[in-house]
C-alpha cells in the first residue's frame, strides 16, 4: 500500500427516493432553500417555512389572483434549490394552474 498518495474522495450528489432518510433530506433541503431566498421571496419563503406538510403546500390568500401570484413566487424561489412543482390545485371558483 502506497501511503504517500492521497485517498480519492467520492460523494453522493443525489438521494434516491426510497432510501430511509430521503424524505427528511428533502424536507431539510426545502426549508434551507426557503431560508436562503427569504430576502428576495419573503411571502413565498414564509409559506414554505410554515405551511408545508409532507409534499403539500397549503396556503390561504384572499383572492385567486393572489393565489396564482403566490404560486409563481414559490416556483421562482424553489428553482434556486432545483425543486419544481408538479401541479397546483386551487380551491373555490377560478382556474387551476398546471
PDB file of N, CA and C in Angstrom:
ATOM      1  N   UNK A   1       0.849  -1.167   0.000  1.00  0.00           N
ATOM      2  CA  UNK A   1       0.000   0.000   0.000  1.00  0.00           C
ATOM      3  C   UNK A   1       0.895   1.231   0.000  1.00  0.00           C
ATOM      4  N   UNK A   2       0.576   2.163  -0.897  1.00  0.00           N
ATOM      5  CA  UNK A   2       1.344   3.390  -1.005  1.00  0.00           C
ATOM      6  C   UNK A   2       0.673   4.472  -0.162  1.00  0.00           C
ATOM      7  N   UNK A   3       1.263   4.812   0.955  1.00  0.00           N
ATOM      8  CA  UNK A   3       0.677   5.801   1.864  1.00  0.00           C
ATOM      9  C   UNK A   3       1.029   7.235   1.474  1.00  0.00           C
ATOM     10  N   UNK A   4       1.852   7.427   0.456  1.00  0.00           N
ATOM     11  CA  UNK A   4       2.231   8.767   0.024  1.00  0.00           C
ATOM     12  C   UNK A   4       1.165   9.390  -0.881  1.00  0.00           C
ATOM     13  N   UNK A   5       0.249   8.585  -1.389  1.00  0.00           N
ATOM     14  CA  UNK A   5      -0.804   9.072  -2.280  1.00  0.00           C
ATOM     15  C   UNK A   5      -2.037   9.417  -1.447  1.00  0.00           C
ATOM     16  N   UNK A   6      -2.599  10.590  -1.718  1.00  0.00           N
ATOM     17  CA  UNK A   6      -3.825  10.991  -1.017  1.00  0.00           C
ATOM     18  C   UNK A   6      -4.982  10.094  -1.456  1.00  0.00           C
ATOM     19  N   UNK A   7      -5.871   9.792  -0.522  1.00  0.00           N
ATOM     20  CA  UNK A   7      -7.001   8.946  -0.894  1.00  0.00           C
ATOM     21  C   UNK A   7      -7.972   9.699  -1.812  1.00  0.00           C
ATOM     22  N   UNK A   8      -8.661   8.961  -2.666  1.00  0.00           N
ATOM     23  CA  UNK A   8      -9.700   9.546  -3.515  1.00  0.00           C
ATOM     24  C   UNK A   8     -10.950   9.718  -2.660  1.00  0.00           C
ATOM     25  N   UNK A   9     -11.614  10.836  -2.869  1.00  0.00           N
ATOM     26  CA  UNK A   9     -12.835  11.121  -2.129  1.00  0.00           C
ATOM     27  C   UNK A   9     -14.005  11.133  -3.098  1.00  0.00           C
ATOM     28  N   UNK A  10     -15.052  10.430  -2.743  1.00  0.00           N
ATOM     29  CA  UNK A  10     -16.269  10.391  -3.536  1.00  0.00           C
ATOM     30  C   UNK A  10     -17.418  10.902  -2.677  1.00  0.00           C
ATOM     31  N   UNK A  11     -18.410  11.519  -3.322  1.00  0.00           N
ATOM     32  CA  UNK A  11     -19.589  11.946  -2.575  1.00  0.00           C
ATOM     33  C   UNK A  11     -20.819  11.809  -3.453  1.00  0.00           C
ATOM     34  N   UNK A  12     -21.933  11.656  -2.795  1.00  0.00           N
ATOM     35  CA  UNK A  12     -23.201  11.479  -3.479  1.00  0.00           C
ATOM     36  C   UNK A  12     -23.804  12.853  -3.747  1.00  0.00           C
ATOM     37  N   UNK A  13     -24.298  13.073  -4.951  1.00  0.00           N
ATOM     38  CA  UNK A  13     -24.890  14.363  -5.303  1.00  0.00           C
ATOM     39  C   UNK A  13     -26.409  14.302  -5.384  1.00  0.00           C
ATOM     40  N   UNK A  14     -26.977  13.138  -5.202  1.00  0.00           N
ATOM     41  CA  UNK A  14     -28.436  12.984  -5.218  1.00  0.00           C
ATOM     42  C   UNK A  14     -28.817  11.874  -4.254  1.00  0.00           C
ATOM     43  N   UNK A  15     -30.015  11.968  -3.739  1.00  0.00           N
ATOM     44  CA  UNK A  15     -30.521  10.942  -2.828  1.00  0.00           C
ATOM     45  C   UNK A  15     -31.605  10.161  -3.547  1.00  0.00           C
ATOM     46  N   UNK A  16     -31.520   8.861  -3.499  1.00  0.00           N
ATOM     47  CA  UNK A  16     -32.552   8.035  -4.112  1.00  0.00           C
ATOM     48  C   UNK A  16     -33.773   8.005  -3.220  1.00  0.00           C
ATOM     49  N   UNK A  17     -34.936   8.328  -3.793  1.00  0.00           N
ATOM     50  CA  UNK A  17     -36.149   8.206  -3.009  1.00  0.00           C
ATOM     51  C   UNK A  17     -36.422   6.738  -2.791  1.00  0.00           C
ATOM     52  N   UNK A  18     -36.856   6.441  -1.606  1.00  0.00           N
ATOM     53  CA  UNK A  18     -36.989   5.059  -1.175  1.00  0.00           C
ATOM     54  C   UNK A  18     -35.961   4.749  -0.105  1.00  0.00           C
ATOM     55  N   UNK A  19     -34.837   5.485  -0.119  1.00  0.00           N
ATOM     56  CA  UNK A  19     -33.870   5.358   0.972  1.00  0.00           C
ATOM     57  C   UNK A  19     -34.518   5.913   2.234  1.00  0.00           C
ATOM     58  N   UNK A  20     -34.241   5.335   3.342  1.00  0.00           N
ATOM     59  CA  UNK A  20     -34.879   5.724   4.601  1.00  0.00           C
ATOM     60  C   UNK A  20     -34.794   7.226   4.893  1.00  0.00           C
ATOM     61  N   UNK A  21     -33.637   7.884   4.744  1.00  0.00           N
ATOM     62  CA  UNK A  21     -33.577   9.303   5.113  1.00  0.00           C
ATOM     63  C   UNK A  21     -34.012  10.264   4.009  1.00  0.00           C
ATOM     64  N   UNK A  22     -34.449   9.780   2.867  1.00  0.00           N
ATOM     65  CA  UNK A  22     -34.694  10.668   1.731  1.00  0.00           C
ATOM     66  C   UNK A  22     -35.771  11.721   1.999  1.00  0.00           C
ATOM     67  N   UNK A  23     -36.857  11.369   2.667  1.00  0.00           N
ATOM     68  CA  UNK A  23     -37.912  12.349   2.934  1.00  0.00           C
ATOM     69  C   UNK A  23     -37.413  13.456   3.855  1.00  0.00           C
ATOM     70  N   UNK A  24     -36.650  13.087   4.858  1.00  0.00           N
ATOM     71  CA  UNK A  24     -36.100  14.086   5.778  1.00  0.00           C
ATOM     72  C   UNK A  24     -35.108  14.992   5.062  1.00  0.00           C
ATOM     73  N   UNK A  25     -34.275  14.409   4.238  1.00  0.00           N
ATOM     74  CA  UNK A  25     -33.297  15.206   3.489  1.00  0.00           C
ATOM     75  C   UNK A  25     -34.010  16.186   2.570  1.00  0.00           C
ATOM     76  N   UNK A  26     -35.057  15.744   1.890  1.00  0.00           N
ATOM     77  CA  UNK A  26     -35.815  16.628   1.003  1.00  0.00           C
ATOM     78  C   UNK A  26     -36.470  17.755   1.796  1.00  0.00           C
ATOM     79  N   UNK A  27     -37.035  17.447   2.955  1.00  0.00           N
ATOM     80  CA  UNK A  27     -37.678  18.470   3.788  1.00  0.00           C
ATOM     81  C   UNK A  27     -36.674  19.509   4.267  1.00  0.00           C
ATOM     82  N   UNK A  28     -35.521  19.061   4.691  1.00  0.00           N
ATOM     83  CA  UNK A  28     -34.482  19.981   5.161  1.00  0.00           C
ATOM     84  C   UNK A  28     -33.990  20.843   4.003  1.00  0.00           C
ATOM     85  N   UNK A  29     -33.783  20.242   2.836  1.00  0.00           N
ATOM     86  CA  UNK A  29     -33.327  20.999   1.669  1.00  0.00           C
ATOM     87  C   UNK A  29     -34.361  22.052   1.261  1.00  0.00           C
ATOM     88  N   UNK A  30     -35.634  21.699   1.339  1.00  0.00           N
ATOM     89  CA  UNK A  30     -36.703  22.640   1.010  1.00  0.00           C
ATOM     90  C   UNK A  30     -36.678  23.824   1.980  1.00  0.00           C
ATOM     91  N   UNK A  31     -36.563  23.542   3.275  1.00  0.00           N
ATOM     92  CA  UNK A  31     -36.511  24.604   4.283  1.00  0.00           C
ATOM     93  C   UNK A  31     -35.266  25.485   4.103  1.00  0.00           C
ATOM     94  N   UNK A  32     -34.132  24.873   3.855  1.00  0.00           N
ATOM     95  CA  UNK A  32     -32.888  25.636   3.663  1.00  0.00           C
ATOM     96  C   UNK A  32     -32.986  26.536   2.438  1.00  0.00           C
ATOM     97  N   UNK A  33     -33.624  26.041   1.380  1.00  0.00           N
ATOM     98  CA  UNK A  33     -33.822  26.852   0.182  1.00  0.00           C
ATOM     99  C   UNK A  33     -34.691  28.063   0.509  1.00  0.00           C
ATOM    100  N   UNK A  34     -35.779  27.841   1.239  1.00  0.00           N
ATOM    101  CA  UNK A  34     -36.660  28.950   1.627  1.00  0.00           C
ATOM    102  C   UNK A  34     -35.912  29.961   2.485  1.00  0.00           C
ATOM    103  N   UNK A  35     -35.135  29.494   3.440  1.00  0.00           N
ATOM    104  CA  UNK A  35     -34.376  30.397   4.304  1.00  0.00           C
ATOM    105  C   UNK A  35     -33.352  31.200   3.509  1.00  0.00           C
ATOM    106  N   UNK A  36     -32.697  30.552   2.552  1.00  0.00           N
ATOM    107  CA  UNK A  36     -31.674  31.225   1.754  1.00  0.00           C
ATOM    108  C   UNK A  36     -32.262  32.290   0.835  1.00  0.00           C
ATOM    109  N   UNK A  37     -33.497  32.095   0.391  1.00  0.00           N
ATOM    110  CA  UNK A  37     -34.120  33.010  -0.564  1.00  0.00           C
ATOM    111  C   UNK A  37     -35.142  33.944   0.073  1.00  0.00           C
ATOM    112  N   UNK A  38     -35.201  33.978   1.396  1.00  0.00           N
ATOM    113  CA  UNK A  38     -36.210  34.756   2.108  1.00  0.00           C
ATOM    114  C   UNK A  38     -36.131  36.250   1.798  1.00  0.00           C
ATOM    115  N   UNK A  39     -34.955  36.782   1.599  1.00  0.00           N
ATOM    116  CA  UNK A  39     -34.814  38.209   1.301  1.00  0.00           C
ATOM    117  C   UNK A  39     -35.471  38.581  -0.023  1.00  0.00           C
ATOM    118  N   UNK A  40     -35.374  37.712  -1.008  1.00  0.00           N
ATOM    119  CA  UNK A  40     -35.926  38.003  -2.328  1.00  0.00           C
ATOM    120  C   UNK A  40     -37.393  37.591  -2.449  1.00  0.00           C
ATOM    121  N   UNK A  41     -37.778  36.515  -1.772  1.00  0.00           N
ATOM    122  CA  UNK A  41     -39.132  35.964  -1.890  1.00  0.00           C
ATOM    123  C   UNK A  41     -39.740  35.795  -0.496  1.00  0.00           C
ATOM    124  N   UNK A  42     -39.991  36.896   0.187  1.00  0.00           N
ATOM    125  CA  UNK A  42     -40.396  36.855   1.597  1.00  0.00           C
ATOM    126  C   UNK A  42     -41.682  36.067   1.838  1.00  0.00           C
ATOM    127  N   UNK A  43     -42.738  36.363   1.097  1.00  0.00           N
ATOM    128  CA  UNK A  43     -44.018  35.683   1.333  1.00  0.00           C
ATOM    129  C   UNK A  43     -43.953  34.215   0.938  1.00  0.00           C
ATOM    130  N   UNK A  44     -43.312  33.914  -0.175  1.00  0.00           N
ATOM    131  CA  UNK A  44     -43.178  32.525  -0.611  1.00  0.00           C
ATOM    132  C   UNK A  44     -42.351  31.728   0.397  1.00  0.00           C
ATOM    133  N   UNK A  45     -41.280  32.322   0.889  1.00  0.00           N
ATOM    134  CA  UNK A  45     -40.442  31.644   1.883  1.00  0.00           C
ATOM    135  C   UNK A  45     -41.229  31.369   3.150  1.00  0.00           C
ATOM    136  N   UNK A  46     -42.010  32.339   3.588  1.00  0.00           N
ATOM    137  CA  UNK A  46     -42.817  32.153   4.794  1.00  0.00           C
ATOM    138  C   UNK A  46     -43.842  31.033   4.594  1.00  0.00           C
ATOM    139  N   UNK A  47     -44.431  30.974   3.428  1.00  0.00           N
ATOM    140  CA  UNK A  47     -45.370  29.890   3.117  1.00  0.00           C
ATOM    141  C   UNK A  47     -44.681  28.543   3.219  1.00  0.00           C
ATOM    142  N   UNK A  48     -43.500  28.426   2.655  1.00  0.00           N
ATOM    143  CA  UNK A  48     -42.774  27.154   2.682  1.00  0.00           C
ATOM    144  C   UNK A  48     -42.361  26.798   4.105  1.00  0.00           C
ATOM    145  N   UNK A  49     -41.925  27.780   4.858  1.00  0.00           N
ATOM    146  CA  UNK A  49     -41.456  27.511   6.213  1.00  0.00           C
ATOM    147  C   UNK A  49     -42.583  27.176   7.190  1.00  0.00           C
ATOM    148  N   UNK A  50     -43.796  27.649   6.926  1.00  0.00           N
ATOM    149  CA  UNK A  50     -44.872  27.452   7.892  1.00  0.00           C
ATOM    150  C   UNK A  50     -46.036  26.603   7.399  1.00  0.00           C
ATOM    151  N   UNK A  51     -46.179  26.423   6.091  1.00  0.00           N
ATOM    152  CA  UNK A  51     -47.380  25.778   5.559  1.00  0.00           C
ATOM    153  C   UNK A  51     -47.105  24.602   4.634  1.00  0.00           C
ATOM    154  N   UNK A  52     -46.023  23.890   4.868  1.00  0.00           N
ATOM    155  CA  UNK A  52     -45.735  22.691   4.080  1.00  0.00           C
ATOM    156  C   UNK A  52     -45.925  21.469   4.962  1.00  0.00           C
ATOM    157  N   UNK A  53     -46.685  20.518   4.443  1.00  0.00           N
ATOM    158  CA  UNK A  53     -46.881  19.248   5.135  1.00  0.00           C
ATOM    159  C   UNK A  53     -46.549  18.142   4.150  1.00  0.00           C
ATOM    160  N   UNK A  54     -45.525  17.375   4.476  1.00  0.00           N
ATOM    161  CA  UNK A  54     -45.019  16.313   3.598  1.00  0.00           C
ATOM    162  C   UNK A  54     -44.652  16.930   2.247  1.00  0.00           C
ATOM    163  N   UNK A  55     -45.399  16.616   1.197  1.00  0.00           N
ATOM    164  CA  UNK A  55     -45.093  17.198  -0.107  1.00  0.00           C
ATOM    165  C   UNK A  55     -46.226  18.107  -0.596  1.00  0.00           C
ATOM    166  N   UNK A  56     -46.996  18.631   0.342  1.00  0.00           N
ATOM    167  CA  UNK A  56     -48.083  19.557   0.010  1.00  0.00           C
ATOM    168  C   UNK A  56     -47.786  20.945   0.568  1.00  0.00           C
ATOM    169  N   UNK A  57     -48.109  21.956  -0.220  1.00  0.00           N
ATOM    170  CA  UNK A  57     -48.003  23.339   0.223  1.00  0.00           C
ATOM    171  C   UNK A  57     -49.434  23.835   0.399  1.00  0.00           C
ATOM    172  N   UNK A  58     -49.790  24.164   1.622  1.00  0.00           N
ATOM    173  CA  UNK A  58     -51.144  24.597   1.943  1.00  0.00           C
ATOM    174  C   UNK A  58     -51.117  26.071   2.310  1.00  0.00           C
ATOM    175  N   UNK A  59     -51.907  26.869   1.627  1.00  0.00           N
ATOM    176  CA  UNK A  59     -51.881  28.310   1.879  1.00  0.00           C
ATOM    177  C   UNK A  59     -53.252  28.898   1.609  1.00  0.00           C
ATOM    178  N   UNK A  60     -53.578  29.971   2.306  1.00  0.00           N
ATOM    179  CA  UNK A  60     -54.797  30.712   2.082  1.00  0.00           C
ATOM    180  C   UNK A  60     -54.438  32.144   1.753  1.00  0.00           C
ATOM    181  N   UNK A  61     -55.044  32.663   0.698  1.00  0.00           N
ATOM    182  CA  UNK A  61     -54.945  34.079   0.354  1.00  0.00           C
ATOM    183  C   UNK A  61     -56.338  34.555  -0.037  1.00  0.00           C
ATOM    184  N   UNK A  62     -56.608  35.865   0.018  1.00  0.00           N
ATOM    185  CA  UNK A  62     -57.966  36.369  -0.186  1.00  0.00           C
ATOM    186  C   UNK A  62     -58.548  36.196  -1.598  1.00  0.00           C
ATOM    187  N   UNK A  63     -57.707  36.112  -2.630  1.00  0.00           N
ATOM    188  CA  UNK A  63     -58.241  36.059  -3.995  1.00  0.00           C
ATOM    189  C   UNK A  63     -57.468  35.062  -4.847  1.00  0.00           C
ATOM    190  N   UNK A  64     -58.109  34.687  -5.953  1.00  0.00           N
ATOM    191  CA  UNK A  64     -57.453  33.760  -6.881  1.00  0.00           C
ATOM    192  C   UNK A  64     -56.226  34.389  -7.527  1.00  0.00           C
ATOM    193  N   UNK A  65     -56.298  35.680  -7.835  1.00  0.00           N
ATOM    194  CA  UNK A  65     -55.136  36.325  -8.448  1.00  0.00           C
ATOM    195  C   UNK A  65     -53.947  36.319  -7.489  1.00  0.00           C
ATOM    196  N   UNK A  66     -54.201  36.512  -6.193  1.00  0.00           N
ATOM    197  CA  UNK A  66     -53.118  36.436  -5.209  1.00  0.00           C
ATOM    198  C   UNK A  66     -52.594  35.007  -5.081  1.00  0.00           C
ATOM    199  N   UNK A  67     -53.485  34.032  -5.206  1.00  0.00           N
ATOM    200  CA  UNK A  67     -53.057  32.634  -5.135  1.00  0.00           C
ATOM    201  C   UNK A  67     -52.138  32.287  -6.300  1.00  0.00           C
ATOM    202  N   UNK A  68     -52.505  32.725  -7.491  1.00  0.00           N
ATOM    203  CA  UNK A  68     -51.669  32.466  -8.669  1.00  0.00           C
ATOM    204  C   UNK A  68     -50.337  33.185  -8.526  1.00  0.00           C
ATOM    205  N   UNK A  69     -50.373  34.423  -8.043  1.00  0.00           N
ATOM    206  CA  UNK A  69     -49.130  35.183  -7.845  1.00  0.00           C
ATOM    207  C   UNK A  69     -48.228  34.498  -6.823  1.00  0.00           C
ATOM    208  N   UNK A  70     -48.807  34.037  -5.711  1.00  0.00           N
ATOM    209  CA  UNK A  70     -48.024  33.348  -4.685  1.00  0.00           C
ATOM    210  C   UNK A  70     -47.423  32.055  -5.245  1.00  0.00           C
ATOM    211  N   UNK A  71     -48.217  31.313  -6.022  1.00  0.00           N
ATOM    212  CA  UNK A  71     -47.722  30.075  -6.627  1.00  0.00           C
ATOM    213  C   UNK A  71     -46.531  30.356  -7.536  1.00  0.00           C
ATOM    214  N   UNK A  72     -46.616  31.407  -8.326  1.00  0.00           N
ATOM    215  CA  UNK A  72     -45.500  31.761  -9.218  1.00  0.00           C
ATOM    216  C   UNK A  72     -44.259  32.160  -8.424  1.00  0.00           C
ATOM    217  N   UNK A  73     -44.457  32.888  -7.330  1.00  0.00           N
ATOM    218  CA  UNK A  73     -43.329  33.289  -6.478  1.00  0.00           C
ATOM    219  C   UNK A  73     -42.689  32.062  -5.821  1.00  0.00           C
ATOM    220  N   UNK A  74     -43.512  31.122  -5.384  1.00  0.00           N
ATOM    221  CA  UNK A  74     -42.991  29.888  -4.790  1.00  0.00           C
ATOM    222  C   UNK A  74     -42.182  29.119  -5.825  1.00  0.00           C
ATOM    223  N   UNK A  75     -42.694  29.035  -7.046  1.00  0.00           N
ATOM    224  CA  UNK A  75     -41.950  28.328  -8.096  1.00  0.00           C
ATOM    225  C   UNK A  75     -40.600  28.989  -8.364  1.00  0.00           C
ATOM    226  N   UNK A  76     -40.572  30.324  -8.404  1.00  0.00           N
ATOM    227  CA  UNK A  76     -39.312  31.037  -8.629  1.00  0.00           C
ATOM    228  C   UNK A  76     -38.329  30.769  -7.496  1.00  0.00           C
ATOM    229  N   UNK A  77     -38.812  30.805  -6.265  1.00  0.00           N
ATOM    230  CA  UNK A  77     -37.958  30.527  -5.118  1.00  0.00           C
ATOM    231  C   UNK A  77     -37.389  29.111  -5.211  1.00  0.00           C
ATOM    232  N   UNK A  78     -38.256  28.149  -5.487  1.00  0.00           N
ATOM    233  CA  UNK A  78     -37.835  26.753  -5.486  1.00  0.00           C
ATOM    234  C   UNK A  78     -36.859  26.411  -6.609  1.00  0.00           C
ATOM    235  N   UNK A  79     -36.891  27.176  -7.695  1.00  0.00           N
ATOM    236  CA  UNK A  79     -35.922  26.956  -8.774  1.00  0.00           C
ATOM    237  C   UNK A  79     -34.489  27.094  -8.255  1.00  0.00           C
ATOM    238  N   UNK A  80     -34.290  27.952  -7.261  1.00  0.00           N
ATOM    239  CA  UNK A  80     -32.955  28.165  -6.702  1.00  0.00           C
ATOM    240  C   UNK A  80     -32.435  26.925  -5.980  1.00  0.00           C
ATOM    241  N   UNK A  81     -33.321  26.043  -5.572  1.00  0.00           N
ATOM    242  CA  UNK A  81     -32.917  24.793  -4.933  1.00  0.00           C
ATOM    243  C   UNK A  81     -33.106  23.582  -5.837  1.00  0.00           C
ATOM    244  N   UNK A  82     -33.354  23.838  -7.120  1.00  0.00           N
ATOM    245  CA  UNK A  82     -33.609  22.775  -8.102  1.00  0.00           C
ATOM    246  C   UNK A  82     -34.835  21.937  -7.759  1.00  0.00           C
ATOM    247  N   UNK A  83     -35.822  22.568  -7.125  1.00  0.00           N
ATOM    248  CA  UNK A  83     -37.109  21.927  -6.884  1.00  0.00           C
ATOM    249  C   UNK A  83     -38.078  22.386  -7.967  1.00  0.00           C
ATOM    250  N   UNK A  84     -39.074  21.580  -8.238  1.00  0.00           N
ATOM    251  CA  UNK A  84     -40.135  22.010  -9.150  1.00  0.00           C
ATOM    252  C   UNK A  84     -41.473  21.487  -8.631  1.00  0.00           C
ATOM    253  N   UNK A  85     -42.515  22.226  -8.942  1.00  0.00           N
ATOM    254  CA  UNK A  85     -43.861  21.853  -8.540  1.00  0.00           C
ATOM    255  C   UNK A  85     -44.476  21.044  -9.679  1.00  0.00           C
ATOM    256  N   UNK A  86     -45.033  19.911  -9.339  1.00  0.00           N
ATOM    257  CA  UNK A  86     -45.656  19.060 -10.358  1.00  0.00           C
ATOM    258  C   UNK A  86     -46.987  19.636 -10.812  1.00  0.00           C
ATOM    259  N   UNK A  87     -47.802  20.071  -9.848  1.00  0.00           N
ATOM    260  CA  UNK A  87     -49.135  20.564 -10.191  1.00  0.00           C
ATOM    261  C   UNK A  87     -49.673  21.402  -9.048  1.00  0.00           C
ATOM    262  N   UNK A  88     -50.394  22.460  -9.377  1.00  0.00           N
ATOM    263  CA  UNK A  88     -51.071  23.296  -8.396  1.00  0.00           C
ATOM    264  C   UNK A  88     -52.561  23.004  -8.446  1.00  0.00           C
ATOM    265  N   UNK A  89     -53.207  23.025  -7.306  1.00  0.00           N
ATOM    266  CA  UNK A  89     -54.657  22.931  -7.229  1.00  0.00           C
ATOM    267  C   UNK A  89     -55.155  24.079  -6.369  1.00  0.00           C
ATOM    268  N   UNK A  90     -56.094  24.849  -6.911  1.00  0.00           N
ATOM    269  CA  UNK A  90     -56.688  25.963  -6.196  1.00  0.00           C
ATOM    270  C   UNK A  90     -58.134  25.607  -5.899  1.00  0.00           C
ATOM    271  N   UNK A  91     -58.579  25.887  -4.707  1.00  0.00           N
ATOM    272  CA  UNK A  91     -59.975  25.612  -4.356  1.00  0.00           C
ATOM    273  C   UNK A  91     -60.820  26.852  -4.630  1.00  0.00           C
ATOM    274  N   UNK A  92     -62.125  26.667  -4.647  1.00  0.00           N
ATOM    275  CA  UNK A  92     -63.038  27.769  -4.886  1.00  0.00           C
ATOM    276  C   UNK A  92     -63.238  27.998  -6.365  1.00  0.00           C
ATOM    277  N   UNK A  93     -63.809  29.132  -6.696  1.00  0.00           N
ATOM    278  CA  UNK A  93     -64.050  29.486  -8.094  1.00  0.00           C
ATOM    279  C   UNK A  93     -62.738  29.867  -8.747  1.00  0.00           C
ATOM    280  N   UNK A  94     -62.653  29.633 -10.040  1.00  0.00           N
ATOM    281  CA  UNK A  94     -61.473  30.075 -10.762  1.00  0.00           C
ATOM    282  C   UNK A  94     -60.794  28.956 -11.497  1.00  0.00           C
ATOM    283  N   UNK A  95     -59.523  29.140 -11.723  1.00  0.00           N
ATOM    284  CA  UNK A  95     -58.749  28.222 -12.555  1.00  0.00           C
ATOM    285  C   UNK A  95     -57.735  27.467 -11.712  1.00  0.00           C
ATOM    286  N   UNK A  96     -57.269  26.360 -12.261  1.00  0.00           N
ATOM    287  CA  UNK A  96     -56.124  25.655 -11.678  1.00  0.00           C
ATOM    288  C   UNK A  96     -54.923  25.931 -12.555  1.00  0.00           C
ATOM    289  N   UNK A  97     -53.787  26.046 -11.941  1.00  0.00           N
ATOM    290  CA  UNK A  97     -52.530  26.316 -12.660  1.00  0.00           C
ATOM    291  C   UNK A  97     -51.742  25.012 -12.725  1.00  0.00           C
ATOM    292  N   UNK A  98     -51.600  24.454 -13.918  1.00  0.00           N
ATOM    293  CA  UNK A  98     -50.831  23.202 -14.094  1.00  0.00           C
ATOM    294  C   UNK A  98     -49.458  23.508 -14.620  1.00  0.00           C
TER     295      UNK A  98
END
